[in-house]
ModelCIF file with pLDDT and N, C-alpha, C, O atoms, coordinates in Angstrom:
data_MODEL
#
_entry.id   MODEL 
#
_entity.id                         1 
_entity.type                       polymer 
_entity.pdbx_number_of_molecules   1 
#
_entity_poly.entity_id                      1 
_entity_poly.type                           'polypeptide(L)' 
_entity_poly.nstd_linkage                   no 
_entity_poly.nstd_monomer                   no 
_entity_poly.pdbx_seq_one_letter_code       SGVGLAFAKALNSFNNKIFIIGRNKQKGQAVEKQLGNTVEFLESDLT 
_entity_poly.pdbx_seq_one_letter_code_can   SGVGLAFAKALNSFNNKIFIIGRNKQKGQAVEKQLGNTVEFLESDLT 
_entity_poly.pdbx_strand_id                 A 
#
loop_
_entity_poly_seq.entity_id 
_entity_poly_seq.num 
_entity_poly_seq.mon_id 
_entity_poly_seq.hetero 
1 1  SER n 
1 2  GLY n 
1 3  VAL n 
1 4  GLY n 
1 5  LEU n 
1 6  ALA n 
1 7  PHE n 
1 8  ALA n 
1 9  LYS n 
1 10 ALA n 
1 11 LEU n 
1 12 ASN n 
1 13 SER n 
1 14 PHE n 
1 15 ASN n 
1 16 ASN n 
1 17 LYS n 
1 18 ILE n 
1 19 PHE n 
1 20 ILE n 
1 21 ILE n 
1 22 GLY n 
1 23 ARG n 
1 24 ASN n 
1 25 LYS n 
1 26 GLN n 
1 27 LYS n 
1 28 GLY n 
1 29 GLN n 
1 30 ALA n 
1 31 VAL n 
1 32 GLU n 
1 33 LYS n 
1 34 GLN n 
1 35 LEU n 
1 36 GLY n 
1 37 ASN n 
1 38 THR n 
1 39 VAL n 
1 40 GLU n 
1 41 PHE n 
1 42 LEU n 
1 43 GLU n 
1 44 SER n 
1 45 ASP n 
1 46 LEU n 
1 47 THR n 
#
_struct_asym.id          A 
_struct_asym.entity_id   1 
#
loop_
_ma_qa_metric.id 
_ma_qa_metric.mode 
_ma_qa_metric.name 
_ma_qa_metric.software_group_id 
_ma_qa_metric.type 
1 global pLDDT . pLDDT 
2 local  pLDDT . pLDDT 
#
_ma_qa_metric_global.metric_id      1 
_ma_qa_metric_global.metric_value   94.91 
_ma_qa_metric_global.model_id       1 
_ma_qa_metric_global.ordinal_id     1 
#
loop_
_ma_qa_metric_local.label_asym_id 
_ma_qa_metric_local.label_comp_id 
_ma_qa_metric_local.label_seq_id 
_ma_qa_metric_local.metric_id 
_ma_qa_metric_local.metric_value 
_ma_qa_metric_local.model_id 
_ma_qa_metric_local.ordinal_id 
A SER 1  2 94.00 1 1  
A GLY 2  2 95.00 1 2  
A VAL 3  2 96.00 1 3  
A GLY 4  2 96.00 1 4  
A LEU 5  2 96.00 1 5  
A ALA 6  2 96.00 1 6  
A PHE 7  2 96.00 1 7  
A ALA 8  2 96.00 1 8  
A LYS 9  2 95.00 1 9  
A ALA 10 2 95.00 1 10 
A LEU 11 2 95.00 1 11 
A ASN 12 2 93.00 1 12 
A SER 13 2 77.00 1 13 
A PHE 14 2 72.00 1 14 
A ASN 15 2 84.00 1 15 
A ASN 16 2 93.00 1 16 
A LYS 17 2 96.00 1 17 
A ILE 18 2 97.00 1 18 
A PHE 19 2 98.00 1 19 
A ILE 20 2 98.00 1 20 
A ILE 21 2 98.00 1 21 
A GLY 22 2 97.00 1 22 
A ARG 23 2 95.00 1 23 
A ASN 24 2 96.00 1 24 
A LYS 25 2 96.00 1 25 
A GLN 26 2 97.00 1 26 
A LYS 27 2 96.00 1 27 
A GLY 28 2 97.00 1 28 
A GLN 29 2 97.00 1 29 
A ALA 30 2 97.00 1 30 
A VAL 31 2 97.00 1 31 
A GLU 32 2 96.00 1 32 
A LYS 33 2 96.00 1 33 
A GLN 34 2 96.00 1 34 
A LEU 35 2 96.00 1 35 
A GLY 36 2 94.00 1 36 
A ASN 37 2 92.00 1 37 
A THR 38 2 95.00 1 38 
A VAL 39 2 97.00 1 39 
A GLU 40 2 97.00 1 40 
A PHE 41 2 98.00 1 41 
A LEU 42 2 98.00 1 42 
A GLU 43 2 97.00 1 43 
A SER 44 2 97.00 1 44 
A ASP 45 2 97.00 1 45 
A LEU 46 2 97.00 1 46 
A THR 47 2 97.00 1 47 
#
loop_
_atom_site.group_PDB 
_atom_site.id 
_atom_site.type_symbol 
_atom_site.label_atom_id 
_atom_site.label_alt_id 
_atom_site.label_comp_id 
_atom_site.label_asym_id 
_atom_site.label_entity_id 
_atom_site.label_seq_id 
_atom_site.pdbx_PDB_ins_code 
_atom_site.Cartn_x 
_atom_site.Cartn_y 
_atom_site.Cartn_z 
_atom_site.occupancy 
_atom_site.B_iso_or_equiv 
_atom_site.pdbx_formal_charge 
_atom_site.auth_seq_id 
_atom_site.auth_comp_id 
_atom_site.auth_asym_id 
_atom_site.auth_atom_id 
_atom_site.pdbx_PDB_model_num 
ATOM 1   N N  . SER A 1 1  ? 6.474   1.984   2.596   1.00 94.00 ? 1  SER A N  1 
ATOM 2   C CA . SER A 1 1  ? 7.467   1.792   3.662   1.00 94.00 ? 1  SER A CA 1 
ATOM 3   C C  . SER A 1 1  ? 7.173   2.757   4.794   1.00 94.00 ? 1  SER A C  1 
ATOM 4   O O  . SER A 1 1  ? 6.334   3.650   4.669   1.00 94.00 ? 1  SER A O  1 
ATOM 5   N N  . GLY A 1 2  ? 7.883   2.563   5.913   1.00 95.00 ? 2  GLY A N  1 
ATOM 6   C CA . GLY A 1 2  ? 7.824   3.495   7.028   1.00 95.00 ? 2  GLY A CA 1 
ATOM 7   C C  . GLY A 1 2  ? 6.430   3.729   7.577   1.00 95.00 ? 2  GLY A C  1 
ATOM 8   O O  . GLY A 1 2  ? 5.650   2.792   7.745   1.00 95.00 ? 2  GLY A O  1 
ATOM 9   N N  . VAL A 1 3  ? 6.125   4.990   7.856   1.00 96.00 ? 3  VAL A N  1 
ATOM 10  C CA . VAL A 1 3  ? 4.846   5.360   8.471   1.00 96.00 ? 3  VAL A CA 1 
ATOM 11  C C  . VAL A 1 3  ? 3.672   5.006   7.568   1.00 96.00 ? 3  VAL A C  1 
ATOM 12  O O  . VAL A 1 3  ? 2.643   4.524   8.041   1.00 96.00 ? 3  VAL A O  1 
ATOM 13  N N  . GLY A 1 4  ? 3.825   5.245   6.265   1.00 96.00 ? 4  GLY A N  1 
ATOM 14  C CA . GLY A 1 4  ? 2.742   4.927   5.338   1.00 96.00 ? 4  GLY A CA 1 
ATOM 15  C C  . GLY A 1 4  ? 2.386   3.456   5.357   1.00 96.00 ? 4  GLY A C  1 
ATOM 16  O O  . GLY A 1 4  ? 1.208   3.102   5.386   1.00 96.00 ? 4  GLY A O  1 
ATOM 17  N N  . LEU A 1 5  ? 3.381   2.604   5.342   1.00 96.00 ? 5  LEU A N  1 
ATOM 18  C CA . LEU A 1 5  ? 3.153   1.164   5.400   1.00 96.00 ? 5  LEU A CA 1 
ATOM 19  C C  . LEU A 1 5  ? 2.548   0.775   6.746   1.00 96.00 ? 5  LEU A C  1 
ATOM 20  O O  . LEU A 1 5  ? 1.661   -0.078  6.803   1.00 96.00 ? 5  LEU A O  1 
ATOM 21  N N  . ALA A 1 6  ? 3.015   1.386   7.820   1.00 96.00 ? 6  ALA A N  1 
ATOM 22  C CA . ALA A 1 6  ? 2.453   1.107   9.145   1.00 96.00 ? 6  ALA A CA 1 
ATOM 23  C C  . ALA A 1 6  ? 0.963   1.442   9.177   1.00 96.00 ? 6  ALA A C  1 
ATOM 24  O O  . ALA A 1 6  ? 0.174   0.696   9.756   1.00 96.00 ? 6  ALA A O  1 
ATOM 25  N N  . PHE A 1 7  ? 0.577   2.549   8.565   1.00 96.00 ? 7  PHE A N  1 
ATOM 26  C CA . PHE A 1 7  ? -0.840  2.907   8.457   1.00 96.00 ? 7  PHE A CA 1 
ATOM 27  C C  . PHE A 1 7  ? -1.603  1.863   7.645   1.00 96.00 ? 7  PHE A C  1 
ATOM 28  O O  . PHE A 1 7  ? -2.672  1.410   8.052   1.00 96.00 ? 7  PHE A O  1 
ATOM 29  N N  . ALA A 1 8  ? -1.048  1.490   6.505   1.00 96.00 ? 8  ALA A N  1 
ATOM 30  C CA . ALA A 1 8  ? -1.718  0.513   5.647   1.00 96.00 ? 8  ALA A CA 1 
ATOM 31  C C  . ALA A 1 8  ? -1.958  -0.798  6.387   1.00 96.00 ? 8  ALA A C  1 
ATOM 32  O O  . ALA A 1 8  ? -3.042  -1.373  6.288   1.00 96.00 ? 8  ALA A O  1 
ATOM 33  N N  . LYS A 1 9  ? -0.969  -1.272  7.119   1.00 95.00 ? 9  LYS A N  1 
ATOM 34  C CA . LYS A 1 9  ? -1.112  -2.517  7.883   1.00 95.00 ? 9  LYS A CA 1 
ATOM 35  C C  . LYS A 1 9  ? -2.154  -2.370  8.989   1.00 95.00 ? 9  LYS A C  1 
ATOM 36  O O  . LYS A 1 9  ? -2.958  -3.275  9.213   1.00 95.00 ? 9  LYS A O  1 
ATOM 37  N N  . ALA A 1 10 ? -2.140  -1.241  9.672   1.00 95.00 ? 10 ALA A N  1 
ATOM 38  C CA . ALA A 1 10 ? -3.071  -1.032  10.781  1.00 95.00 ? 10 ALA A CA 1 
ATOM 39  C C  . ALA A 1 10 ? -4.514  -0.934  10.313  1.00 95.00 ? 10 ALA A C  1 
ATOM 40  O O  . ALA A 1 10 ? -5.423  -1.383  11.011  1.00 95.00 ? 10 ALA A O  1 
ATOM 41  N N  . LEU A 1 11 ? -4.735  -0.350  9.138   1.00 95.00 ? 11 LEU A N  1 
ATOM 42  C CA . LEU A 1 11 ? -6.090  -0.123  8.643   1.00 95.00 ? 11 LEU A CA 1 
ATOM 43  C C  . LEU A 1 11 ? -6.602  -1.259  7.770   1.00 95.00 ? 11 LEU A C  1 
ATOM 44  O O  . LEU A 1 11 ? -7.781  -1.285  7.417   1.00 95.00 ? 11 LEU A O  1 
ATOM 45  N N  . ASN A 1 12 ? -5.736  -2.189  7.422   1.00 93.00 ? 12 ASN A N  1 
ATOM 46  C CA . ASN A 1 12 ? -6.090  -3.220  6.464   1.00 93.00 ? 12 ASN A CA 1 
ATOM 47  C C  . ASN A 1 12 ? -7.082  -4.244  7.004   1.00 93.00 ? 12 ASN A C  1 
ATOM 48  O O  . ASN A 1 12 ? -7.812  -4.858  6.226   1.00 93.00 ? 12 ASN A O  1 
ATOM 49  N N  . SER A 1 13 ? -7.123  -4.437  8.290   1.00 77.00 ? 13 SER A N  1 
ATOM 50  C CA . SER A 1 13 ? -7.980  -5.479  8.846   1.00 77.00 ? 13 SER A CA 1 
ATOM 51  C C  . SER A 1 13 ? -9.412  -5.013  9.096   1.00 77.00 ? 13 SER A C  1 
ATOM 52  O O  . SER A 1 13 ? -10.223 -5.758  9.646   1.00 77.00 ? 13 SER A O  1 
ATOM 53  N N  . PHE A 1 14 ? -9.719  -3.790  8.694   1.00 72.00 ? 14 PHE A N  1 
ATOM 54  C CA . PHE A 1 14 ? -11.057 -3.252  8.880   1.00 72.00 ? 14 PHE A CA 1 
ATOM 55  C C  . PHE A 1 14 ? -11.736 -3.110  7.511   1.00 72.00 ? 14 PHE A C  1 
ATOM 56  O O  . PHE A 1 14 ? -11.169 -3.489  6.486   1.00 72.00 ? 14 PHE A O  1 
ATOM 57  N N  . ASN A 1 15 ? -12.931 -2.571  7.508   1.00 84.00 ? 15 ASN A N  1 
ATOM 58  C CA . ASN A 1 15 ? -13.705 -2.496  6.269   1.00 84.00 ? 15 ASN A CA 1 
ATOM 59  C C  . ASN A 1 15 ? -13.232 -1.314  5.427   1.00 84.00 ? 15 ASN A C  1 
ATOM 60  O O  . ASN A 1 15 ? -13.957 -0.334  5.249   1.00 84.00 ? 15 ASN A O  1 
ATOM 61  N N  . ASN A 1 16 ? -12.021 -1.418  4.918   1.00 93.00 ? 16 ASN A N  1 
ATOM 62  C CA . ASN A 1 16 ? -11.410 -0.320  4.172   1.00 93.00 ? 16 ASN A CA 1 
ATOM 63  C C  . ASN A 1 16 ? -10.885 -0.799  2.823   1.00 93.00 ? 16 ASN A C  1 
ATOM 64  O O  . ASN A 1 16 ? -10.457 -1.944  2.678   1.00 93.00 ? 16 ASN A O  1 
ATOM 65  N N  . LYS A 1 17 ? -10.925 0.087   1.853   1.00 96.00 ? 17 LYS A N  1 
ATOM 66  C CA . LYS A 1 17 ? -10.217 -0.093  0.594   1.00 96.00 ? 17 LYS A CA 1 
ATOM 67  C C  . LYS A 1 17 ? -9.055  0.890   0.624   1.00 96.00 ? 17 LYS A C  1 
ATOM 68  O O  . LYS A 1 17 ? -9.259  2.095   0.772   1.00 96.00 ? 17 LYS A O  1 
ATOM 69  N N  . ILE A 1 18 ? -7.842  0.378   0.485   1.00 97.00 ? 18 ILE A N  1 
ATOM 70  C CA . ILE A 1 18 ? -6.658  1.214   0.663   1.00 97.00 ? 18 ILE A CA 1 
ATOM 71  C C  . ILE A 1 18 ? -5.863  1.318   -0.630  1.00 97.00 ? 18 ILE A C  1 
ATOM 72  O O  . ILE A 1 18 ? -5.535  0.310   -1.256  1.00 97.00 ? 18 ILE A O  1 
ATOM 73  N N  . PHE A 1 19 ? -5.559  2.544   -1.017  1.00 98.00 ? 19 PHE A N  1 
ATOM 74  C CA . PHE A 1 19 ? -4.678  2.806   -2.155  1.00 98.00 ? 19 PHE A CA 1 
ATOM 75  C C  . PHE A 1 19 ? -3.376  3.364   -1.608  1.00 98.00 ? 19 PHE A C  1 
ATOM 76  O O  . PHE A 1 19 ? -3.382  4.381   -0.914  1.00 98.00 ? 19 PHE A O  1 
ATOM 77  N N  . ILE A 1 20 ? -2.269  2.720   -1.908  1.00 98.00 ? 20 ILE A N  1 
ATOM 78  C CA . ILE A 1 20 ? -0.966  3.238   -1.501  1.00 98.00 ? 20 ILE A CA 1 
ATOM 79  C C  . ILE A 1 20 ? -0.244  3.779   -2.736  1.00 98.00 ? 20 ILE A C  1 
ATOM 80  O O  . ILE A 1 20 ? -0.228  3.149   -3.794  1.00 98.00 ? 20 ILE A O  1 
ATOM 81  N N  . ILE A 1 21 ? 0.343   4.943   -2.574  1.00 98.00 ? 21 ILE A N  1 
ATOM 82  C CA . ILE A 1 21 ? 1.026   5.603   -3.687  1.00 98.00 ? 21 ILE A CA 1 
ATOM 83  C C  . ILE A 1 21 ? 2.518   5.646   -3.399  1.00 98.00 ? 21 ILE A C  1 
ATOM 84  O O  . ILE A 1 21 ? 2.940   6.035   -2.309  1.00 98.00 ? 21 ILE A O  1 
ATOM 85  N N  . GLY A 1 22 ? 3.314   5.244   -4.386  1.00 97.00 ? 22 GLY A N  1 
ATOM 86  C CA . GLY A 1 22 ? 4.759   5.281   -4.224  1.00 97.00 ? 22 GLY A CA 1 
ATOM 87  C C  . GLY A 1 22 ? 5.460   5.190   -5.566  1.00 97.00 ? 22 GLY A C  1 
ATOM 88  O O  . GLY A 1 22 ? 4.833   4.927   -6.592  1.00 97.00 ? 22 GLY A O  1 
ATOM 89  N N  . ARG A 1 23 ? 6.763   5.411   -5.548  1.00 95.00 ? 23 ARG A N  1 
ATOM 90  C CA . ARG A 1 23 ? 7.538   5.391   -6.793  1.00 95.00 ? 23 ARG A CA 1 
ATOM 91  C C  . ARG A 1 23 ? 8.167   4.032   -7.074  1.00 95.00 ? 23 ARG A C  1 
ATOM 92  O O  . ARG A 1 23 ? 8.522   3.734   -8.214  1.00 95.00 ? 23 ARG A O  1 
ATOM 93  N N  . ASN A 1 24 ? 8.305   3.216   -6.045  1.00 96.00 ? 24 ASN A N  1 
ATOM 94  C CA . ASN A 1 24 ? 9.007   1.943   -6.191  1.00 96.00 ? 24 ASN A CA 1 
ATOM 95  C C  . ASN A 1 24 ? 8.010   0.825   -6.480  1.00 96.00 ? 24 ASN A C  1 
ATOM 96  O O  . ASN A 1 24 ? 7.305   0.365   -5.583  1.00 96.00 ? 24 ASN A O  1 
ATOM 97  N N  . LYS A 1 25 ? 7.959   0.394   -7.739  1.00 96.00 ? 25 LYS A N  1 
ATOM 98  C CA . LYS A 1 25 ? 6.992   -0.614  -8.155  1.00 96.00 ? 25 LYS A CA 1 
ATOM 99  C C  . LYS A 1 25 ? 7.200   -1.943  -7.434  1.00 96.00 ? 25 LYS A C  1 
ATOM 100 O O  . LYS A 1 25 ? 6.236   -2.603  -7.046  1.00 96.00 ? 25 LYS A O  1 
ATOM 101 N N  . GLN A 1 26 ? 8.449   -2.327  -7.261  1.00 97.00 ? 26 GLN A N  1 
ATOM 102 C CA . GLN A 1 26 ? 8.748   -3.599  -6.604  1.00 97.00 ? 26 GLN A CA 1 
ATOM 103 C C  . GLN A 1 26 ? 8.247   -3.606  -5.160  1.00 97.00 ? 26 GLN A C  1 
ATOM 104 O O  . GLN A 1 26 ? 7.639   -4.578  -4.712  1.00 97.00 ? 26 GLN A O  1 
ATOM 105 N N  . LYS A 1 27 ? 8.505   -2.522  -4.439  1.00 96.00 ? 27 LYS A N  1 
ATOM 106 C CA . LYS A 1 27 ? 8.020   -2.416  -3.064  1.00 96.00 ? 27 LYS A CA 1 
ATOM 107 C C  . LYS A 1 27 ? 6.494   -2.402  -3.015  1.00 96.00 ? 27 LYS A C  1 
ATOM 108 O O  . LYS A 1 27 ? 5.885   -3.044  -2.158  1.00 96.00 ? 27 LYS A O  1 
ATOM 109 N N  . GLY A 1 28 ? 5.888   -1.671  -3.935  1.00 97.00 ? 28 GLY A N  1 
ATOM 110 C CA . GLY A 1 28 ? 4.439   -1.569  -3.960  1.00 97.00 ? 28 GLY A CA 1 
ATOM 111 C C  . GLY A 1 28 ? 3.766   -2.910  -4.203  1.00 97.00 ? 28 GLY A C  1 
ATOM 112 O O  . GLY A 1 28 ? 2.782   -3.247  -3.545  1.00 97.00 ? 28 GLY A O  1 
ATOM 113 N N  . GLN A 1 29 ? 4.291   -3.661  -5.136  1.00 97.00 ? 29 GLN A N  1 
ATOM 114 C CA . GLN A 1 29 ? 3.724   -4.976  -5.420  1.00 97.00 ? 29 GLN A CA 1 
ATOM 115 C C  . GLN A 1 29 ? 3.926   -5.935  -4.251  1.00 97.00 ? 29 GLN A C  1 
ATOM 116 O O  . GLN A 1 29 ? 3.081   -6.792  -3.991  1.00 97.00 ? 29 GLN A O  1 
ATOM 117 N N  . ALA A 1 30 ? 5.046   -5.788  -3.550  1.00 97.00 ? 30 ALA A N  1 
ATOM 118 C CA . ALA A 1 30 ? 5.298   -6.620  -2.370  1.00 97.00 ? 30 ALA A CA 1 
ATOM 119 C C  . ALA A 1 30 ? 4.284   -6.324  -1.267  1.00 97.00 ? 30 ALA A C  1 
ATOM 120 O O  . ALA A 1 30 ? 3.830   -7.235  -0.574  1.00 97.00 ? 30 ALA A O  1 
ATOM 121 N N  . VAL A 1 31 ? 3.931   -5.054  -1.107  1.00 97.00 ? 31 VAL A N  1 
ATOM 122 C CA . VAL A 1 31 ? 2.935   -4.679  -0.102  1.00 97.00 ? 31 VAL A CA 1 
ATOM 123 C C  . VAL A 1 31 ? 1.560   -5.225  -0.497  1.00 97.00 ? 31 VAL A C  1 
ATOM 124 O O  . VAL A 1 31 ? 0.825   -5.725  0.355   1.00 97.00 ? 31 VAL A O  1 
ATOM 125 N N  . GLU A 1 32 ? 1.216   -5.133  -1.764  1.00 96.00 ? 32 GLU A N  1 
ATOM 126 C CA . GLU A 1 32 ? -0.046  -5.710  -2.239  1.00 96.00 ? 32 GLU A CA 1 
ATOM 127 C C  . GLU A 1 32 ? -0.125  -7.197  -1.905  1.00 96.00 ? 32 GLU A C  1 
ATOM 128 O O  . GLU A 1 32 ? -1.148  -7.684  -1.422  1.00 96.00 ? 32 GLU A O  1 
ATOM 129 N N  . LYS A 1 33 ? 0.948   -7.898  -2.166  1.00 96.00 ? 33 LYS A N  1 
ATOM 130 C CA . LYS A 1 33 ? 0.987   -9.338  -1.904  1.00 96.00 ? 33 LYS A CA 1 
ATOM 131 C C  . LYS A 1 33 ? 0.882   -9.621  -0.411  1.00 96.00 ? 33 LYS A C  1 
ATOM 132 O O  . LYS A 1 33 ? 0.204   -10.561 0.007   1.00 96.00 ? 33 LYS A O  1 
ATOM 133 N N  . GLN A 1 34 ? 1.559   -8.801  0.389   1.00 96.00 ? 34 GLN A N  1 
ATOM 134 C CA . GLN A 1 34 ? 1.565   -8.995  1.838   1.00 96.00 ? 34 GLN A CA 1 
ATOM 135 C C  . GLN A 1 34 ? 0.201   -8.715  2.459   1.00 96.00 ? 34 GLN A C  1 
ATOM 136 O O  . GLN A 1 34 ? -0.236  -9.454  3.342   1.00 96.00 ? 34 GLN A O  1 
ATOM 137 N N  . LEU A 1 35 ? -0.479  -7.657  2.010   1.00 96.00 ? 35 LEU A N  1 
ATOM 138 C CA . LEU A 1 35 ? -1.699  -7.209  2.671   1.00 96.00 ? 35 LEU A CA 1 
ATOM 139 C C  . LEU A 1 35 ? -2.987  -7.684  2.009   1.00 96.00 ? 35 LEU A C  1 
ATOM 140 O O  . LEU A 1 35 ? -4.054  -7.595  2.617   1.00 96.00 ? 35 LEU A O  1 
ATOM 141 N N  . GLY A 1 36 ? -2.915  -8.183  0.785   1.00 94.00 ? 36 GLY A N  1 
ATOM 142 C CA . GLY A 1 36 ? -4.098  -8.772  0.171   1.00 94.00 ? 36 GLY A CA 1 
ATOM 143 C C  . GLY A 1 36 ? -4.853  -7.844  -0.753  1.00 94.00 ? 36 GLY A C  1 
ATOM 144 O O  . GLY A 1 36 ? -4.398  -6.738  -1.045  1.00 94.00 ? 36 GLY A O  1 
ATOM 145 N N  . ASN A 1 37 ? -6.013  -8.296  -1.216  1.00 92.00 ? 37 ASN A N  1 
ATOM 146 C CA . ASN A 1 37 ? -6.709  -7.599  -2.305  1.00 92.00 ? 37 ASN A CA 1 
ATOM 147 C C  . ASN A 1 37 ? -7.475  -6.357  -1.874  1.00 92.00 ? 37 ASN A C  1 
ATOM 148 O O  . ASN A 1 37 ? -8.086  -5.705  -2.721  1.00 92.00 ? 37 ASN A O  1 
ATOM 149 N N  . THR A 1 38 ? -7.466  -6.002  -0.590  1.00 95.00 ? 38 THR A N  1 
ATOM 150 C CA . THR A 1 38 ? -8.077  -4.736  -0.176  1.00 95.00 ? 38 THR A CA 1 
ATOM 151 C C  . THR A 1 38 ? -7.102  -3.572  -0.344  1.00 95.00 ? 38 THR A C  1 
ATOM 152 O O  . THR A 1 38 ? -7.469  -2.411  -0.161  1.00 95.00 ? 38 THR A O  1 
ATOM 153 N N  . VAL A 1 39 ? -5.859  -3.894  -0.693  1.00 97.00 ? 39 VAL A N  1 
ATOM 154 C CA . VAL A 1 39 ? -4.829  -2.865  -0.887  1.00 97.00 ? 39 VAL A CA 1 
ATOM 155 C C  . VAL A 1 39 ? -4.399  -2.845  -2.348  1.00 97.00 ? 39 VAL A C  1 
ATOM 156 O O  . VAL A 1 39 ? -4.107  -3.885  -2.937  1.00 97.00 ? 39 VAL A O  1 
ATOM 157 N N  . GLU A 1 40 ? -4.365  -1.652  -2.920  1.00 97.00 ? 40 GLU A N  1 
ATOM 158 C CA . GLU A 1 40 ? -3.954  -1.496  -4.317  1.00 97.00 ? 40 GLU A CA 1 
ATOM 159 C C  . GLU A 1 40 ? -2.834  -0.471  -4.410  1.00 97.00 ? 40 GLU A C  1 
ATOM 160 O O  . GLU A 1 40 ? -2.937  0.628   -3.866  1.00 97.00 ? 40 GLU A O  1 
ATOM 161 N N  . PHE A 1 41 ? -1.778  -0.835  -5.096  1.00 98.00 ? 41 PHE A N  1 
ATOM 162 C CA . PHE A 1 41 ? -0.631  0.053   -5.269  1.00 98.00 ? 41 PHE A CA 1 
ATOM 163 C C  . PHE A 1 41 ? -0.779  0.878   -6.533  1.00 98.00 ? 41 PHE A C  1 
ATOM 164 O O  . PHE A 1 41 ? -1.089  0.344   -7.598  1.00 98.00 ? 41 PHE A O  1 
ATOM 165 N N  . LEU A 1 42 ? -0.558  2.186   -6.415  1.00 98.00 ? 42 LEU A N  1 
ATOM 166 C CA . LEU A 1 42 ? -0.546  3.091   -7.560  1.00 98.00 ? 42 LEU A CA 1 
ATOM 167 C C  . LEU A 1 42 ? 0.868   3.638   -7.710  1.00 98.00 ? 42 LEU A C  1 
ATOM 168 O O  . LEU A 1 42 ? 1.340   4.397   -6.864  1.00 98.00 ? 42 LEU A O  1 
ATOM 169 N N  . GLU A 1 43 ? 1.524   3.259   -8.766  1.00 97.00 ? 43 GLU A N  1 
ATOM 170 C CA . GLU A 1 43 ? 2.881   3.751   -9.008  1.00 97.00 ? 43 GLU A CA 1 
ATOM 171 C C  . GLU A 1 43 ? 2.826   5.177   -9.520  1.00 97.00 ? 43 GLU A C  1 
ATOM 172 O O  . GLU A 1 43 ? 2.204   5.453   -10.546 1.00 97.00 ? 43 GLU A O  1 
ATOM 173 N N  . SER A 1 44 ? 3.481   6.087   -8.800  1.00 97.00 ? 44 SER A N  1 
ATOM 174 C CA . SER A 1 44 ? 3.415   7.484   -9.207  1.00 97.00 ? 44 SER A CA 1 
ATOM 175 C C  . SER A 1 44 ? 4.531   8.295   -8.553  1.00 97.00 ? 44 SER A C  1 
ATOM 176 O O  . SER A 1 44 ? 4.841   8.119   -7.374  1.00 97.00 ? 44 SER A O  1 
ATOM 177 N N  . ASP A 1 45 ? 5.124   9.183   -9.340  1.00 97.00 ? 45 ASP A N  1 
ATOM 178 C CA . ASP A 1 45 ? 6.052   10.185  -8.826  1.00 97.00 ? 45 ASP A CA 1 
ATOM 179 C C  . ASP A 1 45 ? 5.230   11.458  -8.624  1.00 97.00 ? 45 ASP A C  1 
ATOM 180 O O  . ASP A 1 45 ? 4.943   12.174  -9.584  1.00 97.00 ? 45 ASP A O  1 
ATOM 181 N N  . LEU A 1 46 ? 4.859   11.734  -7.397  1.00 97.00 ? 46 LEU A N  1 
ATOM 182 C CA . LEU A 1 46 ? 3.929   12.825  -7.121  1.00 97.00 ? 46 LEU A CA 1 
ATOM 183 C C  . LEU A 1 46 ? 4.523   14.211  -7.334  1.00 97.00 ? 46 LEU A C  1 
ATOM 184 O O  . LEU A 1 46 ? 3.806   15.205  -7.225  1.00 97.00 ? 46 LEU A O  1 
ATOM 185 N N  . THR A 1 47 ? 5.803   14.299  -7.632  1.00 97.00 ? 47 THR A N  1 
ATOM 186 C CA . THR A 1 47 ? 6.382   15.594  -7.980  1.00 97.00 ? 47 THR A CA 1 
ATOM 187 C C  . THR A 1 47 ? 6.036   15.983  -9.414  1.00 97.00 ? 47 THR A C  1 
ATOM 188 O O  . THR A 1 47 ? 6.442   17.047  -9.880  1.00 97.00 ? 47 THR A O  1 
#
């Protein structure tokens, strides 16, 4: 979400492999579906 998601969307159309890290599995999977197979969600509580 927010700035992180904005970055993911902006960088997704180039030759990049993107890993997004977040705690919300539902949101993460939705972003994967929205942005395609160059984006992979890693569910993690970084604390």
